[in-house]
Every structure is written in C-alpha cells, then in structure tokens.
C-alpha cells in the first residue's frame, strides 16, 4: 500500500473571482489592452502619421521620434520572445538608426553653418 498525503483548501466564490480575474480573456475590450493602445497613441508624435518625403524634419522632431521609440521599446521588450516582438524591435532599431543618422547630419550642417 502506498501512502498519500493530501492537503488542500476549498476556495469561496470571492476567492475564485479574485484568482481568475486577471486571467479572464476579454478580447479587444480588455481594459489592459485598451490602456496599452492608448499609451502607444499618447506617446507617439501626432504629426508622424502624416509625415512624407516632401516634409523637412528638425532636430526637435527627431528628438520626439527618439523619445517615442524609447517609450515603445520599454513596453515591447517586456513581451515574451516571439516573431511579433522580434519584428517590433527590429522596426524600432531601424527607426532609431535613421533618426541617429539624420540627427548626426543635422548636427554637422549646423556646425558648418548649413552649407552642403
């Protein structure tokens, strides 16, 4: 005969609600997902959605993009490993590289009085 030791607890209805609450799938209506969308929207420069190749960027605008990328990176890095996370981080790295390249070019132009 084998020995069996058991020790358990029976949760109340309130316990069940508290234990399951954070893990219930609420889909697109999940307040956490909405807050995340709102955060991304609030930390992205509004003008960036309308940016095209005919517009000029100042160092201040590049700094706004850099700041938004930094804030987005913090959230994305918290995601579990996977294709979506990797793609988002790759896109951010590309954005950061372009911003750095443009900022360096502008700094050089400023040092030489804007002469090309």
PDB file of N, CA and C in Angstrom:
ATOM      1  N   UNK A   1       0.846  -1.179   0.000  1.00  0.00           N
ATOM      2  CA  UNK A   1       0.000   0.000   0.000  1.00  0.00           C
ATOM      3  C   UNK A   1       0.891   1.242   0.000  1.00  0.00           C
ATOM      4  N   UNK A   2       0.538   2.211  -0.842  1.00  0.00           N
ATOM      5  CA  UNK A   2       1.309   3.448  -0.890  1.00  0.00           C
ATOM      6  C   UNK A   2       0.652   4.483   0.005  1.00  0.00           C
ATOM      7  N   UNK A   3       1.468   5.369   0.458  1.00  0.00           N
ATOM      8  CA  UNK A   3       0.957   6.436   1.315  1.00  0.00           C
ATOM      9  C   UNK A   3       0.584   7.640   0.457  1.00  0.00           C
ATOM     10  N   UNK A   4      -0.413   8.305   0.887  1.00  0.00           N
ATOM     11  CA  UNK A   4      -0.832   9.515   0.201  1.00  0.00           C
ATOM     12  C   UNK A   4      -1.116  10.588   1.228  1.00  0.00           C
ATOM     13  N   UNK A   5      -0.477  11.702   1.031  1.00  0.00           N
ATOM     14  CA  UNK A   5      -0.705  12.835   1.920  1.00  0.00           C
ATOM     15  C   UNK A   5      -1.345  13.921   1.079  1.00  0.00           C
ATOM     16  N   UNK A   6      -2.416  14.457   1.560  1.00  0.00           N
ATOM     17  CA  UNK A   6      -3.118  15.487   0.811  1.00  0.00           C
ATOM     18  C   UNK A   6      -3.456  16.642   1.731  1.00  0.00           C
ATOM     19  N   UNK A   7      -3.259  17.800   1.209  1.00  0.00           N
ATOM     20  CA  UNK A   7      -3.630  18.988   1.955  1.00  0.00           C
ATOM     21  C   UNK A   7      -4.145  19.984   0.937  1.00  0.00           C
ATOM     22  N   UNK A   8      -5.351  20.424   1.084  1.00  0.00           N
ATOM     23  CA  UNK A   8      -5.938  21.345   0.116  1.00  0.00           C
ATOM     24  C   UNK A   8      -6.885  22.302   0.806  1.00  0.00           C
ATOM     25  N   UNK A   9      -7.339  23.271   0.003  1.00  0.00           N
ATOM     26  CA  UNK A   9      -8.271  24.269   0.511  1.00  0.00           C
ATOM     27  C   UNK A   9      -9.361  24.470  -0.523  1.00  0.00           C
ATOM     28  N   UNK A  10     -10.559  24.676  -0.074  1.00  0.00           N
ATOM     29  CA  UNK A  10     -11.682  24.914  -0.966  1.00  0.00           C
ATOM     30  C   UNK A  10     -11.935  26.419  -1.015  1.00  0.00           C
ATOM     31  N   UNK A  11     -11.805  27.014  -2.200  1.00  0.00           N
ATOM     32  CA  UNK A  11     -11.984  28.468  -2.297  1.00  0.00           C
ATOM     33  C   UNK A  11     -13.457  28.866  -2.219  1.00  0.00           C
ATOM     34  N   UNK A  12     -13.672  30.091  -1.757  1.00  0.00           N
ATOM     35  CA  UNK A  12     -15.014  30.658  -1.754  1.00  0.00           C
ATOM     36  C   UNK A  12     -15.275  31.248  -3.133  1.00  0.00           C
ATOM     37  N   UNK A  13     -16.499  31.669  -3.372  1.00  0.00           N
ATOM     38  CA  UNK A  13     -16.835  32.302  -4.654  1.00  0.00           C
ATOM     39  C   UNK A  13     -16.004  33.574  -4.849  1.00  0.00           C
ATOM     40  N   UNK A  14     -15.774  34.315  -3.777  1.00  0.00           N
ATOM     41  CA  UNK A  14     -14.953  35.529  -3.858  1.00  0.00           C
ATOM     42  C   UNK A  14     -13.494  35.185  -4.188  1.00  0.00           C
ATOM     43  N   UNK A  15     -13.011  34.077  -3.575  1.00  0.00           N
ATOM     44  CA  UNK A  15     -11.648  33.633  -3.868  1.00  0.00           C
ATOM     45  C   UNK A  15     -11.498  33.282  -5.341  1.00  0.00           C
ATOM     46  N   UNK A  16     -12.462  32.550  -5.876  1.00  0.00           N
ATOM     47  CA  UNK A  16     -12.423  32.139  -7.280  1.00  0.00           C
ATOM     48  C   UNK A  16     -12.398  33.375  -8.179  1.00  0.00           C
ATOM     49  N   UNK A  17     -13.254  34.339  -7.875  1.00  0.00           N
ATOM     50  CA  UNK A  17     -13.294  35.567  -8.680  1.00  0.00           C
ATOM     51  C   UNK A  17     -11.953  36.298  -8.621  1.00  0.00           C
ATOM     52  N   UNK A  18     -11.353  36.382  -7.445  1.00  0.00           N
ATOM     53  CA  UNK A  18     -10.073  37.076  -7.286  1.00  0.00           C
ATOM     54  C   UNK A  18      -8.942  36.329  -7.980  1.00  0.00           C
ATOM     55  N   UNK A  19      -8.969  35.006  -7.948  1.00  0.00           N
ATOM     56  CA  UNK A  19      -7.910  34.209  -8.563  1.00  0.00           C
ATOM     57  C   UNK A  19      -8.007  34.198 -10.083  1.00  0.00           C
ATOM     58  N   UNK A  20      -9.207  34.169 -10.613  1.00  0.00           N
ATOM     59  CA  UNK A  20      -9.395  34.108 -12.062  1.00  0.00           C
ATOM     60  C   UNK A  20      -9.383  35.472 -12.726  1.00  0.00           C
ATOM     61  N   UNK A  21      -9.768  36.508 -12.001  1.00  0.00           N
ATOM     62  CA  UNK A  21      -9.951  37.849 -12.555  1.00  0.00           C
ATOM     63  C   UNK A  21      -8.894  38.335 -13.524  1.00  0.00           C
ATOM     64  N   UNK A  22      -7.620  38.336 -13.132  1.00  0.00           N
ATOM     65  CA  UNK A  22      -6.600  38.880 -14.026  1.00  0.00           C
ATOM     66  C   UNK A  22      -6.351  38.044 -15.281  1.00  0.00           C
ATOM     67  N   UNK A  23      -6.847  36.818 -15.298  1.00  0.00           N
ATOM     68  CA  UNK A  23      -6.536  35.902 -16.386  1.00  0.00           C
ATOM     69  C   UNK A  23      -7.701  35.661 -17.339  1.00  0.00           C
ATOM     70  N   UNK A  24      -8.844  36.302 -17.089  1.00  0.00           N
ATOM     71  CA  UNK A  24     -10.006  36.143 -17.955  1.00  0.00           C
ATOM     72  C   UNK A  24      -9.744  36.873 -19.267  1.00  0.00           C
ATOM     73  N   UNK A  25      -9.931  36.184 -20.375  1.00  0.00           N
ATOM     74  CA  UNK A  25      -9.725  36.778 -21.697  1.00  0.00           C
ATOM     75  C   UNK A  25     -10.916  37.665 -22.041  1.00  0.00           C
ATOM     76  N   UNK A  26     -10.636  38.939 -22.237  1.00  0.00           N
ATOM     77  CA  UNK A  26     -11.697  39.902 -22.543  1.00  0.00           C
ATOM     78  C   UNK A  26     -11.607  40.377 -23.986  1.00  0.00           C
ATOM     79  N   UNK A  27     -10.667  39.833 -24.739  1.00  0.00           N
ATOM     80  CA  UNK A  27     -10.521  40.192 -26.146  1.00  0.00           C
ATOM     81  C   UNK A  27     -10.194  41.654 -26.346  1.00  0.00           C
ATOM     82  N   UNK A  28     -10.758  42.225 -27.391  1.00  0.00           N
ATOM     83  CA  UNK A  28     -10.484  43.626 -27.742  1.00  0.00           C
ATOM     84  C   UNK A  28     -11.010  44.598 -26.691  1.00  0.00           C
ATOM     85  N   UNK A  29     -11.931  44.151 -25.862  1.00  0.00           N
ATOM     86  CA  UNK A  29     -12.491  45.025 -24.826  1.00  0.00           C
ATOM     87  C   UNK A  29     -11.705  45.000 -23.528  1.00  0.00           C
ATOM     88  N   UNK A  30     -10.605  44.271 -23.505  1.00  0.00           N
ATOM     89  CA  UNK A  30      -9.795  44.177 -22.294  1.00  0.00           C
ATOM     90  C   UNK A  30      -9.256  45.559 -21.940  1.00  0.00           C
ATOM     91  N   UNK A  31      -9.502  46.042 -20.729  1.00  0.00           N
ATOM     92  CA  UNK A  31      -9.034  47.377 -20.341  1.00  0.00           C
ATOM     93  C   UNK A  31      -7.509  47.507 -20.374  1.00  0.00           C
ATOM     94  N   UNK A  32      -6.799  46.417 -20.147  1.00  0.00           N
ATOM     95  CA  UNK A  32      -5.339  46.472 -20.196  1.00  0.00           C
ATOM     96  C   UNK A  32      -4.873  46.685 -21.644  1.00  0.00           C
ATOM     97  N   UNK A  33      -5.497  45.980 -22.576  1.00  0.00           N
ATOM     98  CA  UNK A  33      -5.158  46.141 -23.994  1.00  0.00           C
ATOM     99  C   UNK A  33      -5.506  47.554 -24.449  1.00  0.00           C
ATOM    100  N   UNK A  34      -6.658  48.066 -24.015  1.00  0.00           N
ATOM    101  CA  UNK A  34      -7.047  49.434 -24.365  1.00  0.00           C
ATOM    102  C   UNK A  34      -6.042  50.437 -23.790  1.00  0.00           C
ATOM    103  N   UNK A  35      -5.627  50.214 -22.544  1.00  0.00           N
ATOM    104  CA  UNK A  35      -4.657  51.123 -21.937  1.00  0.00           C
ATOM    105  C   UNK A  35      -3.329  51.083 -22.690  1.00  0.00           C
ATOM    106  N   UNK A  36      -2.945  49.912 -23.159  1.00  0.00           N
ATOM    107  CA  UNK A  36      -1.716  49.783 -23.932  1.00  0.00           C
ATOM    108  C   UNK A  36      -1.826  50.529 -25.261  1.00  0.00           C
ATOM    109  N   UNK A  37      -2.956  50.371 -25.938  1.00  0.00           N
ATOM    110  CA  UNK A  37      -3.175  51.118 -27.185  1.00  0.00           C
ATOM    111  C   UNK A  37      -3.144  52.624 -26.936  1.00  0.00           C
ATOM    112  N   UNK A  38      -3.822  53.042 -25.875  1.00  0.00           N
ATOM    113  CA  UNK A  38      -3.854  54.467 -25.534  1.00  0.00           C
ATOM    114  C   UNK A  38      -2.445  54.988 -25.220  1.00  0.00           C
ATOM    115  N   UNK A  39      -1.644  54.174 -24.538  1.00  0.00           N
ATOM    116  CA  UNK A  39      -0.272  54.574 -24.204  1.00  0.00           C
ATOM    117  C   UNK A  39       0.548  54.761 -25.475  1.00  0.00           C
ATOM    118  N   UNK A  40       0.461  53.796 -26.391  1.00  0.00           N
ATOM    119  CA  UNK A  40       1.203  53.906 -27.646  1.00  0.00           C
ATOM    120  C   UNK A  40       0.751  55.138 -28.427  1.00  0.00           C
ATOM    121  N   UNK A  41      -0.550  55.379 -28.438  1.00  0.00           N
ATOM    122  CA  UNK A  41      -1.076  56.540 -29.160  1.00  0.00           C
ATOM    123  C   UNK A  41      -0.605  57.845 -28.503  1.00  0.00           C
ATOM    124  N   UNK A  42      -0.654  57.896 -27.184  1.00  0.00           N
ATOM    125  CA  UNK A  42      -0.288  59.113 -26.453  1.00  0.00           C
ATOM    126  C   UNK A  42       1.205  59.411 -26.517  1.00  0.00           C
ATOM    127  N   UNK A  43       2.024  58.383 -26.683  1.00  0.00           N
ATOM    128  CA  UNK A  43       3.472  58.601 -26.691  1.00  0.00           C
ATOM    129  C   UNK A  43       4.055  58.722 -28.095  1.00  0.00           C
ATOM    130  N   UNK A  44       3.212  58.627 -29.117  1.00  0.00           N
ATOM    131  CA  UNK A  44       3.673  58.789 -30.499  1.00  0.00           C
ATOM    132  C   UNK A  44       3.355  60.204 -30.971  1.00  0.00           C
ATOM    133  N   UNK A  45       4.296  60.858 -31.629  1.00  0.00           N
ATOM    134  CA  UNK A  45       4.022  62.204 -32.144  1.00  0.00           C
ATOM    135  C   UNK A  45       2.830  62.184 -33.114  1.00  0.00           C
ATOM    136  N   UNK A  46       1.872  63.052 -32.905  1.00  0.00           N
ATOM    137  CA  UNK A  46       0.660  63.102 -33.718  1.00  0.00           C
ATOM    138  C   UNK A  46       0.999  63.364 -35.180  1.00  0.00           C
ATOM    139  N   UNK A  47       1.935  64.220 -35.426  1.00  0.00           N
ATOM    140  CA  UNK A  47       2.296  64.620 -36.784  1.00  0.00           C
ATOM    141  C   UNK A  47       2.960  63.492 -37.578  1.00  0.00           C
ATOM    142  N   UNK A  48       3.476  62.490 -36.885  1.00  0.00           N
ATOM    143  CA  UNK A  48       4.238  61.437 -37.544  1.00  0.00           C
ATOM    144  C   UNK A  48       3.404  60.619 -38.533  1.00  0.00           C
ATOM    145  N   UNK A  49       2.123  60.463 -38.247  1.00  0.00           N
ATOM    146  CA  UNK A  49       1.248  59.689 -39.144  1.00  0.00           C
ATOM    147  C   UNK A  49       1.114  60.344 -40.518  1.00  0.00           C
ATOM    148  N   UNK A  50       1.317  61.656 -40.579  1.00  0.00           N
ATOM    149  CA  UNK A  50       1.166  62.375 -41.844  1.00  0.00           C
ATOM    150  C   UNK A  50       2.506  62.716 -42.496  1.00  0.00           C
ATOM    151  N   UNK A  51       3.597  62.226 -41.926  1.00  0.00           N
ATOM    152  CA  UNK A  51       4.922  62.517 -42.469  1.00  0.00           C
ATOM    153  C   UNK A  51       5.102  61.872 -43.843  1.00  0.00           C
ATOM    154  N   UNK A  52       5.643  62.644 -44.765  1.00  0.00           N
ATOM    155  CA  UNK A  52       6.002  62.086 -46.070  1.00  0.00           C
ATOM    156  C   UNK A  52       7.354  62.671 -46.485  1.00  0.00           C
ATOM    157  N   UNK A  53       7.856  62.211 -47.623  1.00  0.00           N
ATOM    158  CA  UNK A  53       9.205  62.583 -48.063  1.00  0.00           C
ATOM    159  C   UNK A  53       9.325  64.029 -48.532  1.00  0.00           C
ATOM    160  N   UNK A  54       8.241  64.764 -48.604  1.00  0.00           N
ATOM    161  CA  UNK A  54       8.307  66.178 -49.014  1.00  0.00           C
ATOM    162  C   UNK A  54       8.509  67.111 -47.823  1.00  0.00           C
ATOM    163  N   UNK A  55       8.364  66.589 -46.617  1.00  0.00           N
ATOM    164  CA  UNK A  55       8.472  67.427 -45.431  1.00  0.00           C
ATOM    165  C   UNK A  55       9.892  67.409 -44.875  1.00  0.00           C
ATOM    166  N   UNK A  56      10.233  68.468 -44.181  1.00  0.00           N
ATOM    167  CA  UNK A  56      11.541  68.561 -43.548  1.00  0.00           C
ATOM    168  C   UNK A  56      11.398  68.294 -42.059  1.00  0.00           C
ATOM    169  N   UNK A  57      12.450  67.726 -41.477  1.00  0.00           N
ATOM    170  CA  UNK A  57      12.455  67.422 -40.049  1.00  0.00           C
ATOM    171  C   UNK A  57      13.515  68.258 -39.346  1.00  0.00           C
ATOM    172  N   UNK A  58      13.170  68.747 -38.182  1.00  0.00           N
ATOM    173  CA  UNK A  58      14.119  69.475 -37.346  1.00  0.00           C
ATOM    174  C   UNK A  58      14.705  68.504 -36.321  1.00  0.00           C
ATOM    175  N   UNK A  59      15.744  68.934 -35.657  1.00  0.00           N
ATOM    176  CA  UNK A  59      16.325  68.092 -34.600  1.00  0.00           C
ATOM    177  C   UNK A  59      15.303  67.861 -33.487  1.00  0.00           C
ATOM    178  N   UNK A  60      14.439  68.853 -33.244  1.00  0.00           N
ATOM    179  CA  UNK A  60      13.410  68.705 -32.213  1.00  0.00           C
ATOM    180  C   UNK A  60      12.424  67.595 -32.585  1.00  0.00           C
ATOM    181  N   UNK A  61      12.055  67.556 -33.845  1.00  0.00           N
ATOM    182  CA  UNK A  61      11.139  66.496 -34.308  1.00  0.00           C
ATOM    183  C   UNK A  61      11.815  65.133 -34.226  1.00  0.00           C
ATOM    184  N   UNK A  62      13.085  65.070 -34.578  1.00  0.00           N
ATOM    185  CA  UNK A  62      13.819  63.810 -34.451  1.00  0.00           C
ATOM    186  C   UNK A  62      13.889  63.372 -32.993  1.00  0.00           C
ATOM    187  N   UNK A  63      14.034  64.332 -32.095  1.00  0.00           N
ATOM    188  CA  UNK A  63      14.057  64.012 -30.664  1.00  0.00           C
ATOM    189  C   UNK A  63      12.706  63.455 -30.208  1.00  0.00           C
ATOM    190  N   UNK A  64      11.624  63.974 -30.767  1.00  0.00           N
ATOM    191  CA  UNK A  64      10.288  63.436 -30.444  1.00  0.00           C
ATOM    192  C   UNK A  64      10.177  61.977 -30.882  1.00  0.00           C
ATOM    193  N   UNK A  65      10.682  61.678 -32.062  1.00  0.00           N
ATOM    194  CA  UNK A  65      10.634  60.298 -32.554  1.00  0.00           C
ATOM    195  C   UNK A  65      11.506  59.404 -31.670  1.00  0.00           C
ATOM    196  N   UNK A  66      12.682  59.881 -31.326  1.00  0.00           N
ATOM    197  CA  UNK A  66      13.586  59.116 -30.466  1.00  0.00           C
ATOM    198  C   UNK A  66      12.925  58.814 -29.118  1.00  0.00           C
ATOM    199  N   UNK A  67      12.288  59.819 -28.535  1.00  0.00           N
ATOM    200  CA  UNK A  67      11.608  59.648 -27.251  1.00  0.00           C
ATOM    201  C   UNK A  67      10.465  58.634 -27.355  1.00  0.00           C
ATOM    202  N   UNK A  68       9.677  58.735 -28.422  1.00  0.00           N
ATOM    203  CA  UNK A  68       8.572  57.801 -28.628  1.00  0.00           C
ATOM    204  C   UNK A  68       9.087  56.374 -28.809  1.00  0.00           C
ATOM    205  N   UNK A  69      10.193  56.224 -29.540  1.00  0.00           N
ATOM    206  CA  UNK A  69      10.779  54.898 -29.761  1.00  0.00           C
ATOM    207  C   UNK A  69      11.276  54.299 -28.449  1.00  0.00           C
ATOM    208  N   UNK A  70      11.869  55.125 -27.611  1.00  0.00           N
ATOM    209  CA  UNK A  70      12.360  54.653 -26.315  1.00  0.00           C
ATOM    210  C   UNK A  70      11.202  54.163 -25.449  1.00  0.00           C
ATOM    211  N   UNK A  71      10.115  54.924 -25.411  1.00  0.00           N
ATOM    212  CA  UNK A  71       8.952  54.537 -24.609  1.00  0.00           C
ATOM    213  C   UNK A  71       8.324  53.255 -25.146  1.00  0.00           C
ATOM    214  N   UNK A  72       8.250  53.139 -26.452  1.00  0.00           N
ATOM    215  CA  UNK A  72       7.673  51.940 -27.073  1.00  0.00           C
ATOM    216  C   UNK A  72       8.565  50.723 -26.809  1.00  0.00           C
ATOM    217  N   UNK A  73       9.877  50.910 -26.895  1.00  0.00           N
ATOM    218  CA  UNK A  73      10.823  49.814 -26.672  1.00  0.00           C
ATOM    219  C   UNK A  73      10.645  49.198 -25.277  1.00  0.00           C
ATOM    220  N   UNK A  74      10.461  50.027 -24.271  1.00  0.00           N
ATOM    221  CA  UNK A  74      10.296  49.531 -22.900  1.00  0.00           C
ATOM    222  C   UNK A  74       9.130  48.550 -22.820  1.00  0.00           C
ATOM    223  N   UNK A  75       8.033  48.885 -23.455  1.00  0.00           N
ATOM    224  CA  UNK A  75       6.852  48.025 -23.422  1.00  0.00           C
ATOM    225  C   UNK A  75       7.085  46.765 -24.244  1.00  0.00           C
ATOM    226  N   UNK A  76       7.628  46.915 -25.435  1.00  0.00           N
ATOM    227  CA  UNK A  76       7.820  45.769 -26.324  1.00  0.00           C
ATOM    228  C   UNK A  76       8.830  44.779 -25.744  1.00  0.00           C
ATOM    229  N   UNK A  77       9.870  45.272 -25.100  1.00  0.00           N
ATOM    230  CA  UNK A  77      10.864  44.376 -24.511  1.00  0.00           C
ATOM    231  C   UNK A  77      10.271  43.530 -23.385  1.00  0.00           C
ATOM    232  N   UNK A  78       9.166  43.973 -22.801  1.00  0.00           N
ATOM    233  CA  UNK A  78       8.516  43.206 -21.740  1.00  0.00           C
ATOM    234  C   UNK A  78       7.699  42.036 -22.290  1.00  0.00           C
ATOM    235  N   UNK A  79       7.470  42.016 -23.600  1.00  0.00           N
ATOM    236  CA  UNK A  79       6.706  40.931 -24.211  1.00  0.00           C
ATOM    237  C   UNK A  79       7.529  39.648 -24.245  1.00  0.00           C
ATOM    238  N   UNK A  80       6.855  38.504 -24.270  1.00  0.00           N
ATOM    239  CA  UNK A  80       7.599  37.244 -24.385  1.00  0.00           C
ATOM    240  C   UNK A  80       8.255  37.131 -25.759  1.00  0.00           C
ATOM    241  N   UNK A  81       9.329  36.355 -25.812  1.00  0.00           N
ATOM    242  CA  UNK A  81      10.022  36.138 -27.085  1.00  0.00           C
ATOM    243  C   UNK A  81       9.058  35.608 -28.129  1.00  0.00           C
ATOM    244  N   UNK A  82       9.254  36.065 -29.340  1.00  0.00           N
ATOM    245  CA  UNK A  82       8.410  35.602 -30.433  1.00  0.00           C
ATOM    246  C   UNK A  82       8.585  36.485 -31.651  1.00  0.00           C
ATOM    247  N   UNK A  83       7.939  36.078 -32.736  1.00  0.00           N
ATOM    248  CA  UNK A  83       8.081  36.797 -34.011  1.00  0.00           C
ATOM    249  C   UNK A  83       7.581  38.236 -33.922  1.00  0.00           C
ATOM    250  N   UNK A  84       6.449  38.444 -33.271  1.00  0.00           N
ATOM    251  CA  UNK A  84       5.886  39.800 -33.183  1.00  0.00           C
ATOM    252  C   UNK A  84       6.833  40.719 -32.419  1.00  0.00           C
ATOM    253  N   UNK A  85       7.368  40.232 -31.310  1.00  0.00           N
ATOM    254  CA  UNK A  85       8.300  41.025 -30.504  1.00  0.00           C
ATOM    255  C   UNK A  85       9.559  41.320 -31.314  1.00  0.00           C
ATOM    256  N   UNK A  86      10.118  40.296 -31.951  1.00  0.00           N
ATOM    257  CA  UNK A  86      11.333  40.469 -32.743  1.00  0.00           C
ATOM    258  C   UNK A  86      11.125  41.472 -33.868  1.00  0.00           C
ATOM    259  N   UNK A  87       9.997  41.371 -34.566  1.00  0.00           N
ATOM    260  CA  UNK A  87       9.707  42.290 -35.671  1.00  0.00           C
ATOM    261  C   UNK A  87       9.584  43.721 -35.152  1.00  0.00           C
ATOM    262  N   UNK A  88       8.866  43.895 -34.050  1.00  0.00           N
ATOM    263  CA  UNK A  88       8.682  45.238 -33.489  1.00  0.00           C
ATOM    264  C   UNK A  88      10.025  45.831 -33.051  1.00  0.00           C
ATOM    265  N   UNK A  89      10.879  45.013 -32.440  1.00  0.00           N
ATOM    266  CA  UNK A  89      12.188  45.507 -32.015  1.00  0.00           C
ATOM    267  C   UNK A  89      13.083  45.822 -33.218  1.00  0.00           C
ATOM    268  N   UNK A  90      12.989  45.012 -34.262  1.00  0.00           N
ATOM    269  CA  UNK A  90      13.754  45.295 -35.488  1.00  0.00           C
ATOM    270  C   UNK A  90      13.313  46.611 -36.115  1.00  0.00           C
ATOM    271  N   UNK A  91      12.001  46.845 -36.152  1.00  0.00           N
ATOM    272  CA  UNK A  91      11.484  48.101 -36.705  1.00  0.00           C
ATOM    273  C   UNK A  91      11.959  49.289 -35.881  1.00  0.00           C
ATOM    274  N   UNK A  92      11.951  49.135 -34.557  1.00  0.00           N
ATOM    275  CA  UNK A  92      12.430  50.219 -33.694  1.00  0.00           C
ATOM    276  C   UNK A  92      13.912  50.476 -33.919  1.00  0.00           C
ATOM    277  N   UNK A  93      14.690  49.423 -34.067  1.00  0.00           N
ATOM    278  CA  UNK A  93      16.128  49.583 -34.302  1.00  0.00           C
ATOM    279  C   UNK A  93      16.363  50.336 -35.611  1.00  0.00           C
ATOM    280  N   UNK A  94      15.587  50.019 -36.628  1.00  0.00           N
ATOM    281  CA  UNK A  94      15.714  50.710 -37.915  1.00  0.00           C
ATOM    282  C   UNK A  94      15.339  52.182 -37.759  1.00  0.00           C
ATOM    283  N   UNK A  95      14.254  52.446 -37.046  1.00  0.00           N
ATOM    284  CA  UNK A  95      13.825  53.830 -36.797  1.00  0.00           C
ATOM    285  C   UNK A  95      14.908  54.598 -36.051  1.00  0.00           C
ATOM    286  N   UNK A  96      15.447  53.983 -35.002  1.00  0.00           N
ATOM    287  CA  UNK A  96      16.474  54.641 -34.203  1.00  0.00           C
ATOM    288  C   UNK A  96      17.737  54.914 -35.035  1.00  0.00           C
ATOM    289  N   UNK A  97      18.088  53.997 -35.915  1.00  0.00           N
ATOM    290  CA  UNK A  97      19.263  54.193 -36.771  1.00  0.00           C
ATOM    291  C   UNK A  97      19.050  55.359 -37.731  1.00  0.00           C
ATOM    292  N   UNK A  98      17.863  55.450 -38.316  1.00  0.00           N
ATOM    293  CA  UNK A  98      17.564  56.547 -39.241  1.00  0.00           C
ATOM    294  C   UNK A  98      17.563  57.881 -38.489  1.00  0.00           C
ATOM    295  N   UNK A  99      16.953  57.907 -37.320  1.00  0.00           N
ATOM    296  CA  UNK A  99      16.928  59.140 -36.518  1.00  0.00           C
ATOM    297  C   UNK A  99      18.349  59.563 -36.175  1.00  0.00           C
ATOM    298  N   UNK A 100      19.176  58.617 -35.755  1.00  0.00           N
ATOM    299  CA  UNK A 100      20.563  58.935 -35.391  1.00  0.00           C
ATOM    300  C   UNK A 100      21.340  59.467 -36.592  1.00  0.00           C
ATOM    301  N   UNK A 101      21.155  58.830 -37.736  1.00  0.00           N
ATOM    302  CA  UNK A 101      21.843  59.268 -38.961  1.00  0.00           C
ATOM    303  C   UNK A 101      21.420  60.687 -39.348  1.00  0.00           C
ATOM    304  N   UNK A 102      20.113  60.961 -39.311  1.00  0.00           N
ATOM    305  CA  UNK A 102      19.608  62.289 -39.664  1.00  0.00           C
ATOM    306  C   UNK A 102      20.069  63.339 -38.654  1.00  0.00           C
ATOM    307  N   UNK A 103      20.049  62.984 -37.379  1.00  0.00           N
ATOM    308  CA  UNK A 103      20.452  63.912 -36.334  1.00  0.00           C
ATOM    309  C   UNK A 103      21.935  64.260 -36.470  1.00  0.00           C
ATOM    310  N   UNK A 104      22.733  63.256 -36.781  1.00  0.00           N
ATOM    311  CA  UNK A 104      24.168  63.497 -36.994  1.00  0.00           C
ATOM    312  C   UNK A 104      24.383  64.421 -38.187  1.00  0.00           C
ATOM    313  N   UNK A 105      23.633  64.199 -39.265  1.00  0.00           N
ATOM    314  CA  UNK A 105      23.746  65.054 -40.447  1.00  0.00           C
ATOM    315  C   UNK A 105      23.348  66.482 -40.111  1.00  0.00           C
ATOM    316  N   UNK A 106      22.283  66.645 -39.347  1.00  0.00           N
ATOM    317  CA  UNK A 106      21.851  67.996 -38.964  1.00  0.00           C
ATOM    318  C   UNK A 106      22.861  68.664 -38.050  1.00  0.00           C
ATOM    319  N   UNK A 107      23.461  67.908 -37.149  1.00  0.00           N
ATOM    320  CA  UNK A 107      24.470  68.476 -36.249  1.00  0.00           C
ATOM    321  C   UNK A 107      25.671  68.943 -37.053  1.00  0.00           C
ATOM    322  N   UNK A 108      26.055  68.166 -38.058  1.00  0.00           N
ATOM    323  CA  UNK A 108      27.174  68.555 -38.914  1.00  0.00           C
ATOM    324  C   UNK A 108      26.849  69.781 -39.739  1.00  0.00           C
ATOM    325  N   UNK A 109      25.622  69.836 -40.237  1.00  0.00           N
ATOM    326  CA  UNK A 109      25.204  71.001 -41.035  1.00  0.00           C
ATOM    327  C   UNK A 109      25.204  72.249 -40.164  1.00  0.00           C
ATOM    328  N   UNK A 110      24.780  72.102 -38.917  1.00  0.00           N
ATOM    329  CA  UNK A 110      24.766  73.246 -38.005  1.00  0.00           C
ATOM    330  C   UNK A 110      26.173  73.723 -37.681  1.00  0.00           C
ATOM    331  N   UNK A 111      27.101  72.796 -37.590  1.00  0.00           N
ATOM    332  CA  UNK A 111      28.483  73.148 -37.278  1.00  0.00           C
ATOM    333  C   UNK A 111      29.153  73.885 -38.430  1.00  0.00           C
ATOM    334  N   UNK A 112      28.686  73.624 -39.639  1.00  0.00           N
ATOM    335  CA  UNK A 112      29.260  74.269 -40.817  1.00  0.00           C
ATOM    336  C   UNK A 112      28.353  75.355 -41.382  1.00  0.00           C
ATOM    337  N   UNK A 113      27.423  75.817 -40.578  1.00  0.00           N
ATOM    338  CA  UNK A 113      26.565  76.922 -40.989  1.00  0.00           C
ATOM    339  C   UNK A 113      25.540  76.546 -42.042  1.00  0.00           C
ATOM    340  N   UNK A 114      25.208  75.256 -42.136  1.00  0.00           N
ATOM    341  CA  UNK A 114      24.177  74.826 -43.069  1.00  0.00           C
ATOM    342  C   UNK A 114      24.645  74.703 -44.489  1.00  0.00           C
ATOM    343  N   UNK A 115      25.934  74.778 -44.745  1.00  0.00           N
ATOM    344  CA  UNK A 115      26.454  74.654 -46.111  1.00  0.00           C
ATOM    345  C   UNK A 115      26.547  73.183 -46.469  1.00  0.00           C
ATOM    346  N   UNK A 116      26.043  72.825 -47.647  1.00  0.00           N
ATOM    347  CA  UNK A 116      26.079  71.426 -48.109  1.00  0.00           C
ATOM    348  C   UNK A 116      27.379  71.129 -48.800  1.00  0.00           C
TER     349      UNK A 116
END
